[in-house]
PDB file of all heavy atoms in Angstrom:
ATOM      1  N   ALA A   1      -6.969  -4.452  -0.563  1.00  0.00           N
ATOM      2  CA  ALA A   1      -6.349  -5.780  -0.529  1.00  0.00           C
ATOM      3  C   ALA A   1      -4.941  -5.747  -1.062  1.00  0.00           C
ATOM      4  O   ALA A   1      -4.086  -6.506  -0.625  1.00  0.00           O
ATOM      5  CB  ALA A   1      -7.236  -6.765  -1.269  1.00  0.00           C
ATOM      6  N   VAL A   2      -4.702  -4.895  -2.069  1.00  0.00           N
ATOM      7  CA  VAL A   2      -3.368  -4.830  -2.645  1.00  0.00           C
ATOM      8  C   VAL A   2      -2.293  -4.507  -1.604  1.00  0.00           C
ATOM      9  O   VAL A   2      -1.165  -4.967  -1.660  1.00  0.00           O
ATOM     10  CB  VAL A   2      -3.310  -3.858  -3.807  1.00  0.00           C
ATOM     11  CG1 VAL A   2      -3.528  -2.438  -3.359  1.00  0.00           C
ATOM     12  CG2 VAL A   2      -1.961  -3.955  -4.570  1.00  0.00           C
ATOM     13  N   LEU A   3      -2.664  -3.711  -0.615  1.00  0.00           N
ATOM     14  CA  LEU A   3      -1.705  -3.321   0.432  1.00  0.00           C
ATOM     15  C   LEU A   3      -1.355  -4.553   1.313  1.00  0.00           C
ATOM     16  O   LEU A   3      -0.223  -4.708   1.705  1.00  0.00           O
ATOM     17  CB  LEU A   3      -2.243  -2.179   1.282  1.00  0.00           C
ATOM     18  CG  LEU A   3      -2.589  -0.902   0.578  1.00  0.00           C
ATOM     19  CD1 LEU A   3      -3.015   0.175   1.513  1.00  0.00           C
ATOM     20  CD2 LEU A   3      -1.426  -0.432  -0.266  1.00  0.00           C
ATOM     21  N   VAL A   4      -2.366  -5.371   1.593  1.00  0.00           N
ATOM     22  CA  VAL A   4      -2.123  -6.532   2.410  1.00  0.00           C
ATOM     23  C   VAL A   4      -1.250  -7.554   1.603  1.00  0.00           C
ATOM     24  O   VAL A   4      -0.355  -8.181   2.136  1.00  0.00           O
ATOM     25  CB  VAL A   4      -3.452  -7.197   2.830  1.00  0.00           C
ATOM     26  CG1 VAL A   4      -3.172  -8.433   3.695  1.00  0.00           C
ATOM     27  CG2 VAL A   4      -4.306  -6.201   3.553  1.00  0.00           C
ATOM     28  N   ASP A   5      -1.565  -7.659   0.302  1.00  0.00           N
ATOM     29  CA  ASP A   5      -0.776  -8.546  -0.549  1.00  0.00           C
ATOM     30  C   ASP A   5       0.687  -8.114  -0.624  1.00  0.00           C
ATOM     31  O   ASP A   5       1.619  -8.945  -0.561  1.00  0.00           O
ATOM     32  CB  ASP A   5      -1.361  -8.600  -1.956  1.00  0.00           C
ATOM     33  CG  ASP A   5      -2.753  -9.309  -1.981  1.00  0.00           C
ATOM     34  OD1 ASP A   5      -3.036 -10.084  -1.053  1.00  0.00           O
ATOM     35  OD2 ASP A   5      -3.527  -9.014  -2.932  1.00  0.00           O
ATOM     36  N   VAL A   6       0.886  -6.804  -0.775  1.00  0.00           N
ATOM     37  CA  VAL A   6       2.226  -6.249  -0.831  1.00  0.00           C
ATOM     38  C   VAL A   6       2.965  -6.506   0.496  1.00  0.00           C
ATOM     39  O   VAL A   6       4.152  -6.855   0.541  1.00  0.00           O
ATOM     40  CB  VAL A   6       2.226  -4.775  -1.202  1.00  0.00           C
ATOM     41  CG1 VAL A   6       3.573  -4.107  -0.904  1.00  0.00           C
ATOM     42  CG2 VAL A   6       1.879  -4.602  -2.661  1.00  0.00           C
ATOM     43  N   ARG A   7       2.261  -6.278   1.585  1.00  0.00           N
ATOM     44  CA  ARG A   7       2.835  -6.537   2.918  1.00  0.00           C
ATOM     45  C   ARG A   7       3.291  -7.975   3.058  1.00  0.00           C
ATOM     46  O   ARG A   7       4.406  -8.259   3.519  1.00  0.00           O
ATOM     47  CB  ARG A   7       1.804  -6.221   3.979  1.00  0.00           C
ATOM     48  CG  ARG A   7       2.230  -6.710   5.382  1.00  0.00           C
ATOM     49  CD  ARG A   7       1.022  -6.743   6.336  1.00  0.00           C
ATOM     50  NE  ARG A   7       1.411  -7.407   7.586  1.00  0.00           N
ATOM     51  CZ  ARG A   7       1.431  -8.677   7.799  1.00  0.00           C
ATOM     52  NH1 ARG A   7       1.118  -9.531   6.805  1.00  0.00           N
ATOM     53  NH2 ARG A   7       1.751  -9.185   8.994  1.00  0.00           N
ATOM     54  N   MET A   8       2.447  -8.905   2.625  1.00  0.00           N
ATOM     55  CA  MET A   8       2.791 -10.344   2.701  1.00  0.00           C
ATOM     56  C   MET A   8       3.992 -10.672   1.866  1.00  0.00           C
ATOM     57  O   MET A   8       4.943 -11.344   2.289  1.00  0.00           O
ATOM     58  CB  MET A   8       1.567 -11.164   2.272  1.00  0.00           C
ATOM     59  CG  MET A   8       1.855 -12.685   2.234  1.00  0.00           C
ATOM     60  SD  MET A   8       2.281 -13.399   3.836  1.00  0.00           S
ATOM     61  CE  MET A   8       0.656 -13.284   4.652  1.00  0.00           C
ATOM     62  N   ALA A   9       3.988 -10.158   0.608  1.00  0.00           N
ATOM     63  CA  ALA A   9       5.076 -10.478  -0.288  1.00  0.00           C
ATOM     64  C   ALA A   9       6.383  -9.862   0.192  1.00  0.00           C
ATOM     65  O   ALA A   9       7.450 -10.514   0.215  1.00  0.00           O
ATOM     66  CB  ALA A   9       4.766  -9.944  -1.676  1.00  0.00           C
ATOM     67  N   ALA A  10       6.338  -8.579   0.647  1.00  0.00           N
ATOM     68  CA  ALA A  10       7.548  -7.928   1.103  1.00  0.00           C
ATOM     69  C   ALA A  10       8.112  -8.549   2.363  1.00  0.00           C
ATOM     70  O   ALA A  10       9.318  -8.564   2.574  1.00  0.00           O
ATOM     71  CB  ALA A  10       7.264  -6.440   1.325  1.00  0.00           C
ATOM     72  N   SER A  11       7.250  -9.099   3.202  1.00  0.00           N
ATOM     73  CA  SER A  11       7.689  -9.674   4.492  1.00  0.00           C
ATOM     74  C   SER A  11       8.149 -11.117   4.364  1.00  0.00           C
ATOM     75  O   SER A  11       9.116 -11.531   5.049  1.00  0.00           O
ATOM     76  CB  SER A  11       6.554  -9.600   5.521  1.00  0.00           C
ATOM     77  OG  SER A  11       6.167  -8.255   5.726  1.00  0.00           O
ATOM     78  N   HIS A  12       7.495 -11.894   3.518  1.00  0.00           N
ATOM     79  CA  HIS A  12       7.735 -13.351   3.525  1.00  0.00           C
ATOM     80  C   HIS A  12       8.069 -13.945   2.153  1.00  0.00           C
ATOM     81  O   HIS A  12       8.391 -15.123   2.092  1.00  0.00           O
ATOM     82  CB  HIS A  12       6.492 -14.057   4.094  1.00  0.00           C
ATOM     83  CG  HIS A  12       6.061 -13.541   5.417  1.00  0.00           C
ATOM     84  ND1 HIS A  12       6.798 -13.686   6.577  1.00  0.00           N
ATOM     85  CD2 HIS A  12       4.956 -12.824   5.790  1.00  0.00           C
ATOM     86  CE1 HIS A  12       6.156 -13.110   7.573  1.00  0.00           C
ATOM     87  NE2 HIS A  12       5.022 -12.607   7.150  1.00  0.00           N
ATOM     88  N   GLN A  13       7.899 -13.185   1.091  1.00  0.00           N
ATOM     89  CA  GLN A  13       8.088 -13.754  -0.250  1.00  0.00           C
ATOM     90  C   GLN A  13       9.073 -12.896  -1.059  1.00  0.00           C
ATOM     91  O   GLN A  13       9.876 -12.154  -0.464  1.00  0.00           O
ATOM     92  CB  GLN A  13       6.725 -13.867  -0.950  1.00  0.00           C
ATOM     93  CG  GLN A  13       5.706 -14.704  -0.184  1.00  0.00           C
ATOM     94  CD  GLN A  13       4.299 -14.535  -0.681  1.00  0.00           C
ATOM     95  OE1 GLN A  13       4.065 -13.900  -1.726  1.00  0.00           O
ATOM     96  NE2 GLN A  13       3.332 -15.084   0.046  1.00  0.00           N
ATOM     97  N   GLU A  14       8.940 -12.948  -2.341  1.00  0.00           N
ATOM     98  CA  GLU A  14       9.839 -12.159  -3.190  1.00  0.00           C
ATOM     99  C   GLU A  14       9.406 -10.685  -3.155  1.00  0.00           C
ATOM    100  O   GLU A  14       8.211 -10.378  -3.164  1.00  0.00           O
ATOM    101  CB  GLU A  14       9.806 -12.684  -4.636  1.00  0.00           C
ATOM    102  CG  GLU A  14      10.752 -11.976  -5.596  1.00  0.00           C
ATOM    103  CD  GLU A  14      10.739 -12.574  -6.957  1.00  0.00           C
ATOM    104  OE1 GLU A  14      10.030 -13.623  -7.154  1.00  0.00           O
ATOM    105  OE2 GLU A  14      11.384 -12.039  -7.855  1.00  0.00           O
ATOM    106  N   MET A  15      10.357  -9.801  -3.130  1.00  0.00           N
ATOM    107  CA  MET A  15      10.054  -8.370  -3.054  1.00  0.00           C
ATOM    108  C   MET A  15       9.275  -7.960  -4.297  1.00  0.00           C
ATOM    109  O   MET A  15       9.644  -8.262  -5.427  1.00  0.00           O
ATOM    110  CB  MET A  15      11.345  -7.587  -3.018  1.00  0.00           C
ATOM    111  CG  MET A  15      11.146  -6.067  -2.859  1.00  0.00           C
ATOM    112  SD  MET A  15      10.462  -5.599  -1.266  1.00  0.00           S
ATOM    113  CE  MET A  15      11.775  -6.075  -0.165  1.00  0.00           C
ATOM    114  N   PRO A  16       8.096  -7.241  -4.089  1.00  0.00           N
ATOM    115  CA  PRO A  16       7.309  -6.833  -5.234  1.00  0.00           C
ATOM    116  C   PRO A  16       8.065  -5.895  -6.174  1.00  0.00           C
ATOM    117  O   PRO A  16       9.040  -5.238  -5.755  1.00  0.00           O
ATOM    118  CB  PRO A  16       6.129  -6.082  -4.570  1.00  0.00           C
ATOM    119  CG  PRO A  16       6.069  -6.666  -3.200  1.00  0.00           C
ATOM    120  CD  PRO A  16       7.486  -6.935  -2.809  1.00  0.00           C
ATOM    121  N   ALA A  17       7.600  -5.820  -7.409  1.00  0.00           N
ATOM    122  CA  ALA A  17       8.225  -4.944  -8.392  1.00  0.00           C
ATOM    123  C   ALA A  17       8.015  -3.480  -8.007  1.00  0.00           C
ATOM    124  O   ALA A  17       7.048  -3.125  -7.294  1.00  0.00           O
ATOM    125  CB  ALA A  17       7.626  -5.212  -9.762  1.00  0.00           C
ATOM    126  N   LEU A  18       8.885  -2.624  -8.491  1.00  0.00           N
ATOM    127  CA  LEU A  18       8.834  -1.185  -8.178  1.00  0.00           C
ATOM    128  C   LEU A  18       7.483  -0.598  -8.599  1.00  0.00           C
ATOM    129  O   LEU A  18       6.898   0.212  -7.881  1.00  0.00           O
ATOM    130  CB  LEU A  18       9.990  -0.468  -8.846  1.00  0.00           C
ATOM    131  CG  LEU A  18      10.046   1.034  -8.572  1.00  0.00           C
ATOM    132  CD1 LEU A  18      10.172   1.346  -7.109  1.00  0.00           C
ATOM    133  CD2 LEU A  18      11.266   1.641  -9.326  1.00  0.00           C
ATOM    134  N   ALA A  19       7.002  -0.975  -9.782  1.00  0.00           N
ATOM    135  CA  ALA A  19       5.755  -0.422 -10.270  1.00  0.00           C
ATOM    136  C   ALA A  19       4.607  -0.759  -9.316  1.00  0.00           C
ATOM    137  O   ALA A  19       3.737   0.100  -9.042  1.00  0.00           O
ATOM    138  CB  ALA A  19       5.436  -0.933 -11.658  1.00  0.00           C
ATOM    139  N   LEU A  20       4.570  -1.974  -8.835  1.00  0.00           N
ATOM    140  CA  LEU A  20       3.517  -2.383  -7.892  1.00  0.00           C
ATOM    141  C   LEU A  20       3.646  -1.649  -6.595  1.00  0.00           C
ATOM    142  O   LEU A  20       2.642  -1.195  -5.994  1.00  0.00           O
ATOM    143  CB  LEU A  20       3.567  -3.893  -7.652  1.00  0.00           C
ATOM    144  CG  LEU A  20       2.567  -4.463  -6.635  1.00  0.00           C
ATOM    145  CD1 LEU A  20       1.138  -4.128  -7.030  1.00  0.00           C
ATOM    146  CD2 LEU A  20       2.746  -5.984  -6.492  1.00  0.00           C
ATOM    147  N   LEU A  21       4.861  -1.508  -6.089  1.00  0.00           N
ATOM    148  CA  LEU A  21       5.084  -0.774  -4.845  1.00  0.00           C
ATOM    149  C   LEU A  21       4.655   0.687  -4.943  1.00  0.00           C
ATOM    150  O   LEU A  21       4.027   1.243  -4.047  1.00  0.00           O
ATOM    151  CB  LEU A  21       6.544  -0.893  -4.412  1.00  0.00           C
ATOM    152  CG  LEU A  21       6.993  -2.270  -3.966  1.00  0.00           C
ATOM    153  CD1 LEU A  21       8.524  -2.351  -3.993  1.00  0.00           C
ATOM    154  CD2 LEU A  21       6.460  -2.575  -2.591  1.00  0.00           C
ATOM    155  N   SER A  22       4.945   1.294  -6.088  1.00  0.00           N
ATOM    156  CA  SER A  22       4.572   2.693  -6.294  1.00  0.00           C
ATOM    157  C   SER A  22       3.049   2.801  -6.346  1.00  0.00           C
ATOM    158  O   SER A  22       2.465   3.726  -5.750  1.00  0.00           O
ATOM    159  CB  SER A  22       5.183   3.196  -7.619  1.00  0.00           C
ATOM    160  OG  SER A  22       4.772   4.542  -7.842  1.00  0.00           O
ATOM    161  N   HIS A  23       2.397   1.882  -7.032  1.00  0.00           N
ATOM    162  CA  HIS A  23       0.932   1.887  -7.081  1.00  0.00           C
ATOM    163  C   HIS A  23       0.345   1.683  -5.691  1.00  0.00           C
ATOM    164  O   HIS A  23      -0.589   2.388  -5.290  1.00  0.00           O
ATOM    165  CB  HIS A  23       0.443   0.787  -8.008  1.00  0.00           C
ATOM    166  CG  HIS A  23      -1.029   0.512  -7.931  1.00  0.00           C
ATOM    167  ND1 HIS A  23      -1.968   1.400  -8.411  1.00  0.00           N
ATOM    168  CD2 HIS A  23      -1.729  -0.516  -7.380  1.00  0.00           C
ATOM    169  CE1 HIS A  23      -3.172   0.926  -8.173  1.00  0.00           C
ATOM    170  NE2 HIS A  23      -3.064  -0.241  -7.557  1.00  0.00           N
ATOM    171  N   ALA A  24       0.918   0.759  -4.924  1.00  0.00           N
ATOM    172  CA  ALA A  24       0.458   0.493  -3.572  1.00  0.00           C
ATOM    173  C   ALA A  24       0.604   1.735  -2.694  1.00  0.00           C
ATOM    174  O   ALA A  24      -0.246   2.017  -1.840  1.00  0.00           O
ATOM    175  CB  ALA A  24       1.177  -0.683  -2.973  1.00  0.00           C
ATOM    176  N   SER A  25       1.675   2.492  -2.909  1.00  0.00           N
ATOM    177  CA  SER A  25       1.859   3.705  -2.085  1.00  0.00           C
ATOM    178  C   SER A  25       0.780   4.748  -2.384  1.00  0.00           C
ATOM    179  O   SER A  25       0.313   5.446  -1.486  1.00  0.00           O
ATOM    180  CB  SER A  25       3.271   4.299  -2.348  1.00  0.00           C
ATOM    181  OG  SER A  25       3.363   4.926  -3.627  1.00  0.00           O
ATOM    182  N   GLU A  26       0.353   4.785  -3.645  1.00  0.00           N
ATOM    183  CA  GLU A  26      -0.754   5.693  -3.990  1.00  0.00           C
ATOM    184  C   GLU A  26      -2.017   5.296  -3.271  1.00  0.00           C
ATOM    185  O   GLU A  26      -2.768   6.140  -2.734  1.00  0.00           O
ATOM    186  CB  GLU A  26      -0.981   5.707  -5.491  1.00  0.00           C
ATOM    187  CG  GLU A  26       0.102   6.348  -6.333  1.00  0.00           C
ATOM    188  CD  GLU A  26      -0.278   6.335  -7.804  1.00  0.00           C
ATOM    189  OE1 GLU A  26      -1.421   6.602  -8.121  1.00  0.00           O
ATOM    190  OE2 GLU A  26       0.636   6.096  -8.643  1.00  0.00           O
ATOM    191  N   ARG A  27      -2.308   3.993  -3.290  1.00  0.00           N
ATOM    192  CA  ARG A  27      -3.523   3.462  -2.631  1.00  0.00           C
ATOM    193  C   ARG A  27      -3.460   3.696  -1.120  1.00  0.00           C
ATOM    194  O   ARG A  27      -4.465   4.026  -0.482  1.00  0.00           O
ATOM    195  CB  ARG A  27      -3.703   1.991  -2.914  1.00  0.00           C
ATOM    196  CG  ARG A  27      -3.871   1.640  -4.419  1.00  0.00           C
ATOM    197  CD  ARG A  27      -5.191   2.197  -4.969  1.00  0.00           C
ATOM    198  NE  ARG A  27      -6.354   1.681  -4.245  1.00  0.00           N
ATOM    199  CZ  ARG A  27      -6.929   0.523  -4.462  1.00  0.00           C
ATOM    200  NH1 ARG A  27      -6.428  -0.293  -5.441  1.00  0.00           N
ATOM    201  NH2 ARG A  27      -7.991   0.140  -3.788  1.00  0.00           N
ATOM    202  N   ALA A  28      -2.259   3.536  -0.557  1.00  0.00           N
ATOM    203  CA  ALA A  28      -2.091   3.717   0.886  1.00  0.00           C
ATOM    204  C   ALA A  28      -2.340   5.224   1.242  1.00  0.00           C
ATOM    205  O   ALA A  28      -3.014   5.491   2.226  1.00  0.00           O
ATOM    206  CB  ALA A  28      -0.684   3.319   1.309  1.00  0.00           C
ATOM    207  N   LEU A  29      -1.772   6.098   0.461  1.00  0.00           N
ATOM    208  CA  LEU A  29      -1.984   7.530   0.749  1.00  0.00           C
ATOM    209  C   LEU A  29      -3.484   7.909   0.586  1.00  0.00           C
ATOM    210  O   LEU A  29      -4.014   8.689   1.375  1.00  0.00           O
ATOM    211  CB  LEU A  29      -1.127   8.371  -0.220  1.00  0.00           C
ATOM    212  CG  LEU A  29       0.354   8.383   0.115  1.00  0.00           C
ATOM    213  CD1 LEU A  29       1.134   9.059  -1.016  1.00  0.00           C
ATOM    214  CD2 LEU A  29       0.624   9.146   1.444  1.00  0.00           C
ATOM    215  N   GLN A  30      -4.100   7.347  -0.441  1.00  0.00           N
ATOM    216  CA  GLN A  30      -5.543   7.586  -0.621  1.00  0.00           C
ATOM    217  C   GLN A  30      -6.320   7.155   0.640  1.00  0.00           C
ATOM    218  O   GLN A  30      -7.181   7.859   1.107  1.00  0.00           O
ATOM    219  CB  GLN A  30      -6.056   6.848  -1.849  1.00  0.00           C
ATOM    220  CG  GLN A  30      -7.522   7.086  -2.129  1.00  0.00           C
ATOM    221  CD  GLN A  30      -8.006   6.333  -3.351  1.00  0.00           C
ATOM    222  OE1 GLN A  30      -7.297   5.494  -3.907  1.00  0.00           O
ATOM    223  NE2 GLN A  30      -9.198   6.615  -3.797  1.00  0.00           N
ATOM    224  N   TRP A  31      -6.003   5.973   1.127  1.00  0.00           N
ATOM    225  CA  TRP A  31      -6.700   5.439   2.317  1.00  0.00           C
ATOM    226  C   TRP A  31      -6.429   6.330   3.544  1.00  0.00           C
ATOM    227  O   TRP A  31      -7.340   6.673   4.288  1.00  0.00           O
ATOM    228  CB  TRP A  31      -6.234   4.016   2.592  1.00  0.00           C
ATOM    229  CG  TRP A  31      -7.022   3.384   3.742  1.00  0.00           C
ATOM    230  CD1 TRP A  31      -8.202   2.730   3.665  1.00  0.00           C
ATOM    231  CD2 TRP A  31      -6.617   3.353   5.096  1.00  0.00           C
ATOM    232  NE1 TRP A  31      -8.582   2.276   4.918  1.00  0.00           N
ATOM    233  CE2 TRP A  31      -7.644   2.649   5.814  1.00  0.00           C
ATOM    234  CE3 TRP A  31      -5.518   3.822   5.825  1.00  0.00           C
ATOM    235  CZ2 TRP A  31      -7.547   2.439   7.201  1.00  0.00           C
ATOM    236  CZ3 TRP A  31      -5.430   3.597   7.193  1.00  0.00           C
ATOM    237  CH2 TRP A  31      -6.454   2.939   7.872  1.00  0.00           C
ATOM    238  N   LEU A  32      -5.173   6.756   3.685  1.00  0.00           N
ATOM    239  CA  LEU A  32      -4.826   7.601   4.829  1.00  0.00           C
ATOM    240  C   LEU A  32      -5.536   8.934   4.749  1.00  0.00           C
ATOM    241  O   LEU A  32      -6.038   9.467   5.790  1.00  0.00           O
ATOM    242  CB  LEU A  32      -3.293   7.807   4.851  1.00  0.00           C
ATOM    243  CG  LEU A  32      -2.471   6.634   5.338  1.00  0.00           C
ATOM    244  CD1 LEU A  32      -1.001   6.842   4.968  1.00  0.00           C
ATOM    245  CD2 LEU A  32      -2.629   6.418   6.834  1.00  0.00           C
ATOM    246  N   PHE A  33      -5.614   9.516   3.558  1.00  0.00           N
ATOM    247  CA  PHE A  33      -6.277  10.828   3.428  1.00  0.00           C
ATOM    248  C   PHE A  33      -7.762  10.691   3.692  1.00  0.00           C
ATOM    249  O   PHE A  33      -8.389  11.542   4.304  1.00  0.00           O
ATOM    250  CB  PHE A  33      -6.007  11.425   2.061  1.00  0.00           C
ATOM    251  CG  PHE A  33      -4.655  12.071   1.926  1.00  0.00           C
ATOM    252  CD1 PHE A  33      -3.673  11.539   1.132  1.00  0.00           C
ATOM    253  CD2 PHE A  33      -4.390  13.227   2.672  1.00  0.00           C
ATOM    254  CE1 PHE A  33      -2.443  12.130   1.047  1.00  0.00           C
ATOM    255  CE2 PHE A  33      -3.106  13.804   2.585  1.00  0.00           C
ATOM    256  CZ  PHE A  33      -2.146  13.284   1.794  1.00  0.00           C
ATOM    257  N   GLU A  34      -8.373   9.594   3.207  1.00  0.00           N
ATOM    258  CA  GLU A  34      -9.795   9.426   3.376  1.00  0.00           C
ATOM    259  C   GLU A  34     -10.164   9.087   4.819  1.00  0.00           C
ATOM    260  O   GLU A  34     -11.144   9.597   5.345  1.00  0.00           O
ATOM    261  CB  GLU A  34     -10.320   8.302   2.463  1.00  0.00           C
ATOM    262  CG  GLU A  34     -10.299   8.679   0.971  1.00  0.00           C
ATOM    263  CD  GLU A  34     -10.713   7.523   0.065  1.00  0.00           C
ATOM    264  OE1 GLU A  34     -10.852   6.387   0.606  1.00  0.00           O
ATOM    265  OE2 GLU A  34     -10.833   7.733  -1.129  1.00  0.00           O
ATOM    266  N   ARG A  35      -9.377   8.226   5.471  1.00  0.00           N
ATOM    267  CA  ARG A  35      -9.720   7.736   6.762  1.00  0.00           C
ATOM    268  C   ARG A  35      -9.138   8.580   7.902  1.00  0.00           C
ATOM    269  O   ARG A  35      -9.684   8.566   9.024  1.00  0.00           O
ATOM    270  CB  ARG A  35      -9.208   6.289   6.960  1.00  0.00           C
ATOM    271  CG  ARG A  35      -9.914   5.314   6.039  1.00  0.00           C
ATOM    272  CD  ARG A  35     -11.433   5.337   6.274  1.00  0.00           C
ATOM    273  NE  ARG A  35     -12.126   4.393   5.440  1.00  0.00           N
ATOM    274  CZ  ARG A  35     -12.502   3.141   5.857  1.00  0.00           C
ATOM    275  NH1 ARG A  35     -12.229   2.774   7.090  1.00  0.00           N
ATOM    276  NH2 ARG A  35     -13.144   2.351   5.007  1.00  0.00           N
ATOM    277  N   TYR A  36      -8.063   9.318   7.702  1.00  0.00           N
ATOM    278  CA  TYR A  36      -7.462  10.084   8.796  1.00  0.00           C
ATOM    279  C   TYR A  36      -7.475  11.577   8.501  1.00  0.00           C
ATOM    280  O   TYR A  36      -8.060  12.347   9.275  1.00  0.00           O
ATOM    281  CB  TYR A  36      -6.012   9.609   9.006  1.00  0.00           C
ATOM    282  CG  TYR A  36      -5.339  10.368  10.075  1.00  0.00           C
ATOM    283  CD1 TYR A  36      -5.509  10.082  11.419  1.00  0.00           C
ATOM    284  CD2 TYR A  36      -4.452  11.437   9.805  1.00  0.00           C
ATOM    285  CE1 TYR A  36      -4.891  10.795  12.425  1.00  0.00           C
ATOM    286  CE2 TYR A  36      -3.820  12.158  10.807  1.00  0.00           C
ATOM    287  CZ  TYR A  36      -4.032  11.810  12.111  1.00  0.00           C
ATOM    288  OH  TYR A  36      -3.411  12.547  13.107  1.00  0.00           O
ATOM    289  N   TRP A  37      -6.893  11.999   7.378  1.00  0.00           N
ATOM    290  CA  TRP A  37      -6.738  13.422   7.166  1.00  0.00           C
ATOM    291  C   TRP A  37      -8.046  14.167   6.922  1.00  0.00           C
ATOM    292  O   TRP A  37      -8.264  15.266   7.400  1.00  0.00           O
ATOM    293  CB  TRP A  37      -5.773  13.669   6.008  1.00  0.00           C
ATOM    294  CG  TRP A  37      -4.367  13.252   6.354  1.00  0.00           C
ATOM    295  CD1 TRP A  37      -3.694  12.138   5.905  1.00  0.00           C
ATOM    296  CD2 TRP A  37      -3.471  13.888   7.257  1.00  0.00           C
ATOM    297  NE1 TRP A  37      -2.472  12.073   6.470  1.00  0.00           N
ATOM    298  CE2 TRP A  37      -2.280  13.114   7.290  1.00  0.00           C
ATOM    299  CE3 TRP A  37      -3.584  15.047   8.044  1.00  0.00           C
ATOM    300  CZ2 TRP A  37      -1.206  13.478   8.098  1.00  0.00           C
ATOM    301  CZ3 TRP A  37      -2.487  15.400   8.833  1.00  0.00           C
ATOM    302  CH2 TRP A  37      -1.335  14.617   8.861  1.00  0.00           C
ATOM    303  N   HIS A  38      -8.984  13.521   6.200  1.00  0.00           N
ATOM    304  CA  HIS A  38     -10.284  14.172   6.022  1.00  0.00           C
ATOM    305  C   HIS A  38     -11.022  14.316   7.336  1.00  0.00           C
ATOM    306  O   HIS A  38     -11.666  15.305   7.606  1.00  0.00           O
ATOM    307  CB  HIS A  38     -11.118  13.355   5.018  1.00  0.00           C
ATOM    308  CG  HIS A  38     -10.631  13.498   3.602  1.00  0.00           C
ATOM    309  ND1 HIS A  38     -11.253  12.830   2.547  1.00  0.00           N
ATOM    310  CD2 HIS A  38      -9.653  14.229   3.062  1.00  0.00           C
ATOM    311  CE1 HIS A  38     -10.604  13.150   1.421  1.00  0.00           C
ATOM    312  NE2 HIS A  38      -9.647  13.965   1.706  1.00  0.00           N
ATOM    313  N   ALA A  39     -10.922  13.256   8.179  1.00  0.00           N
ATOM    314  CA  ALA A  39     -11.528  13.320   9.505  1.00  0.00           C
ATOM    315  C   ALA A  39     -10.883  14.404  10.342  1.00  0.00           C
ATOM    316  O   ALA A  39     -11.588  15.151  11.070  1.00  0.00           O
ATOM    317  CB  ALA A  39     -11.420  11.976  10.204  1.00  0.00           C
ATOM    318  N   GLN A  40      -9.585  14.532  10.254  1.00  0.00           N
ATOM    319  CA  GLN A  40      -8.882  15.600  11.004  1.00  0.00           C
ATOM    320  C   GLN A  40      -9.328  16.972  10.523  1.00  0.00           C
ATOM    321  O   GLN A  40      -9.543  17.896  11.341  1.00  0.00           O
ATOM    322  CB  GLN A  40      -7.369  15.445  10.813  1.00  0.00           C
ATOM    323  CG  GLN A  40      -6.784  14.247  11.545  1.00  0.00           C
ATOM    324  CD  GLN A  40      -6.784  14.433  13.047  1.00  0.00           C
ATOM    325  OE1 GLN A  40      -6.316  15.411  13.573  1.00  0.00           O
ATOM    326  NE2 GLN A  40      -7.370  13.462  13.726  1.00  0.00           N
TER     327      GLN A  40
END
């Protein structure tokens, strides 16, 4: 959910803080590795 929240804020609201964006990038990479790269 944090990725969707960051997407909403970055697109339509105030730009999220750098710490939150960095954390979200970790979660995004984790999701990509679990859902795509592990399957590959």
